[in-house]
Structure formats: C-alpha cells, structure tokens
Protein backbone atom coordinates (compact mmCIF):
# COMPACT_ATOMS: atom_id res chain seq x y z
CA MET A 1 0.00 0.00 0.00
CA MET A 2 2.75 2.47 0.98
CA ARG A 3 4.69 1.59 -2.18
CA ASN A 4 1.62 2.38 -4.32
CA ILE A 5 1.25 5.73 -2.59
CA LEU A 6 4.90 6.57 -3.22
CA VAL A 7 4.62 5.58 -6.88
CA LEU A 8 1.49 7.70 -7.27
CA ALA A 9 3.18 10.65 -5.57
CA ALA A 10 6.18 10.37 -7.91
CA ILE A 11 3.90 10.28 -10.95
CA LEU A 12 1.96 13.31 -9.75
CA LEU A 13 5.17 15.23 -9.06
CA ALA A 14 6.55 14.40 -12.51
CA SER A 15 3.27 15.43 -14.11
CA ALA A 16 3.20 18.71 -12.22
CA THR A 17 6.79 19.44 -13.23
CA SER A 18 5.99 18.69 -16.87
CA LEU A 19 2.88 20.88 -16.80
CA SER A 20 4.81 23.69 -15.18
CA ALA A 21 7.53 23.49 -17.82
CA ALA A 22 4.94 23.39 -20.60
CA ASN A 23 3.64 26.79 -19.49
CA ASP A 24 7.10 28.27 -18.93
CA PRO A 25 9.40 28.44 -21.97
CA ILE A 26 12.47 29.09 -19.82
CA ALA A 27 11.84 26.02 -17.67
CA GLU A 28 11.00 23.91 -20.71
CA ARG A 29 14.12 24.89 -22.67
CA LYS A 30 16.29 24.38 -19.58
CA GLU A 31 14.79 20.90 -19.11
CA ILE A 32 15.40 19.97 -22.76
CA LEU A 33 18.93 21.36 -22.81
CA LYS A 34 19.78 19.60 -19.55
CA GLY A 35 18.62 16.33 -21.13
CA ILE A 36 20.83 16.96 -24.14
CA GLY A 37 23.78 17.63 -21.85
CA GLU A 38 23.20 14.43 -19.91
CA ALA A 39 22.95 12.42 -23.14
CA THR A 40 26.15 14.02 -24.44
CA LYS A 41 28.37 13.33 -21.43
CA PRO A 42 28.94 9.61 -22.08
CA VAL A 43 29.58 10.25 -25.78
CA VAL A 44 32.27 12.79 -24.97
CA GLY A 45 33.71 10.26 -22.51
CA MET A 46 33.86 7.70 -25.33
CA MET A 47 35.63 10.16 -27.61
CA ARG A 48 38.19 10.87 -24.87
CA GLY A 49 38.72 7.16 -24.21
CA GLU A 50 37.38 7.50 -20.67
CA VAL A 51 34.44 5.12 -21.14
CA PRO A 52 33.94 2.17 -23.47
CA PHE A 53 32.20 2.73 -26.79
CA ASP A 54 28.45 2.13 -26.56
CA ARG A 55 26.46 2.53 -29.77
CA ALA A 56 23.16 2.66 -27.84
CA LYS A 57 24.33 5.73 -25.91
CA VAL A 58 25.50 7.39 -29.11
CA ASN A 59 22.09 6.72 -30.67
CA ALA A 60 20.37 8.05 -27.55
CA ALA A 61 22.36 11.29 -27.70
CA LEU A 62 21.62 11.79 -31.39
CA THR A 63 17.94 11.03 -30.83
CA SER A 64 17.89 13.52 -27.97
CA TYR A 65 19.26 16.20 -30.30
CA ALA A 66 16.90 15.25 -33.13
CA ASN A 67 13.87 15.48 -30.84
CA ALA A 68 14.97 18.78 -29.29
CA VAL A 69 15.98 20.77 -32.37
CA PRO A 70 12.46 21.40 -33.72
CA LYS A 71 11.21 22.45 -30.27
CA LEU A 72 13.95 24.78 -29.09
CA PRO A 73 13.59 27.87 -31.32
CA ALA A 74 10.00 28.40 -30.16
CA LEU A 75 11.15 28.27 -26.54
CA PHE A 76 12.88 31.63 -26.87
CA PRO A 77 9.88 33.97 -27.25
CA ASP A 78 10.39 37.70 -26.65
CA ASP A 79 8.84 37.50 -23.20
CA SER A 80 11.44 34.97 -22.01
CA LYS A 81 14.50 37.22 -22.01
CA THR A 82 14.64 37.32 -18.23
CA GLY A 83 13.50 35.29 -15.26
CA GLY A 84 13.78 31.64 -14.37
CA LYS A 85 17.51 31.96 -13.78
CA THR A 86 18.01 31.91 -17.55
CA GLU A 87 21.53 31.87 -18.90
CA ALA A 88 20.31 33.04 -22.30
CA LEU A 89 21.99 36.25 -23.40
CA PRO A 90 19.92 39.17 -24.74
CA ARG A 91 21.94 38.80 -27.95
CA ILE A 92 19.60 35.91 -28.88
CA TRP A 93 16.75 38.33 -29.52
CA ASP A 94 19.02 40.86 -31.26
CA GLU A 95 20.27 38.16 -33.64
CA LYS A 96 17.19 35.95 -33.79
CA ALA A 97 17.69 34.78 -37.40
CA LYS A 98 21.34 33.84 -36.79
CA PHE A 99 20.41 32.13 -33.53
CA GLU A 100 17.65 30.07 -35.15
CA ALA A 101 19.96 29.19 -38.06
CA LEU A 102 22.21 27.44 -35.53
CA PHE A 103 19.35 25.08 -34.70
CA THR A 104 18.84 24.39 -38.40
CA LYS A 105 22.54 23.58 -38.80
CA LEU A 106 22.48 21.39 -35.70
CA GLY A 107 19.49 19.48 -37.08
CA GLU A 108 21.27 18.93 -40.38
CA ASP A 109 24.49 17.77 -38.72
CA VAL A 110 22.55 15.42 -36.43
CA LYS A 111 20.90 13.82 -39.47
CA ILE A 112 24.31 13.37 -41.09
CA ALA A 113 25.72 11.82 -37.92
CA GLN A 114 22.70 9.51 -37.64
CA ALA A 115 23.28 8.37 -41.23
CA GLU A 116 26.96 7.62 -40.60
CA ALA A 117 27.96 4.09 -39.75
CA ILE A 118 29.13 4.83 -36.21
CA THR A 119 30.38 1.46 -35.08
CA ASP A 120 33.44 2.31 -33.01
CA VAL A 121 35.37 5.18 -31.46
CA ALA A 122 37.12 6.04 -34.73
CA SER A 123 33.85 6.44 -36.63
CA LEU A 124 32.37 8.31 -33.65
CA LYS A 125 35.28 10.76 -33.72
CA ALA A 126 34.71 11.27 -37.44
CA ALA A 127 30.95 11.88 -37.21
CA PHE A 128 30.20 13.53 -33.87
CA PRO A 129 32.48 16.60 -33.69
CA LYS A 130 30.31 18.64 -36.09
CA VAL A 131 27.38 18.19 -33.73
CA LEU A 132 29.45 19.27 -30.75
CA LYS A 133 30.79 22.25 -32.73
CA ASP A 134 27.20 23.41 -33.34
CA CYS A 135 26.47 23.22 -29.61
CA LYS A 136 29.65 25.10 -28.80
CA ALA A 137 28.81 27.87 -31.28
CA CYS A 138 25.51 28.50 -29.55
CA HIS A 139 27.01 28.32 -26.06
CA ASP A 140 29.88 30.64 -27.00
CA ASP A 141 27.67 33.34 -28.51
CA TYR A 142 24.32 33.05 -26.74
CA ARG A 143 24.82 31.58 -23.28
CA GLU A 144 25.99 33.40 -20.19
CA LYS A 145 29.46 32.30 -19.17
CA LYS A 146 29.57 30.47 -15.86
C-alpha cells in the first residue's frame, strides 16, 4: 500500500513538473537542454577514451538532439528574455535569425551523424564533432558564461 502511494506521488510530481515546464518556456528549454547535456556526457567520454564505446548511448544522444531541435527555437519567445535563472543572453533576440539558423545547422548535422555508420570510437570521432561544434557555437555566442 505504501509503495503504491509513493509511486502515485512520484507520478503526480513528474506530471506537475511537466505541466509547469509546458507553461514556462524558460523552464522547458532548460529541461530539454539539460537532457541533451546528460545524453552528451557519455559520448564525450567515449571520444576521450574514458568510457567504453556504446552505440546505444550514441544513438540516444543523437535522438535527444533530433527530438529537441524542432522544439527549441520556439522556446525563446520575446517574453522569455529574463526570469527563471536563464543563462540566455539578450543577444539571442538581437540576432534571432542567426540564432535560429544554428538550430537548423544542428538538425542537419545530427541527421548526417545519424546516417553515418558509427560502429566504433574512430567512426564516432569522425561523425560527432560537427554536432558538438554546433552546440559550442551557440554556447559561445548566446549563453551566459559560468
């Protein structure tokens, strides 16, 4: 009985968090970007030789990017320049077309990486850096430095 209550409470909390994010573009984009970051960490570890190659984790990272790219541009509306502890720089809204073009490029490079035969670290190192470069370009120009 107690286990069922805990499971129900966890489901309700997750639902409330999702609903909250759905009404808050800053929270939603932060949630999506955090997921991308988490999916990317093991792939970077593979490229550095710190963790064994795992094709499933590479696929998961690429799928995470592919799912996020179409959603993210809309999560930067004009009324989301401040608040929610955003790290988004005002430059995003001054250079909106350039900013959104980065998402287009990321989407294209993700599709290319997904089409590559990534079967080992060498093929990963050949296919994945363009994706990471796209992320870096956005972080360098449009994200507050920590």
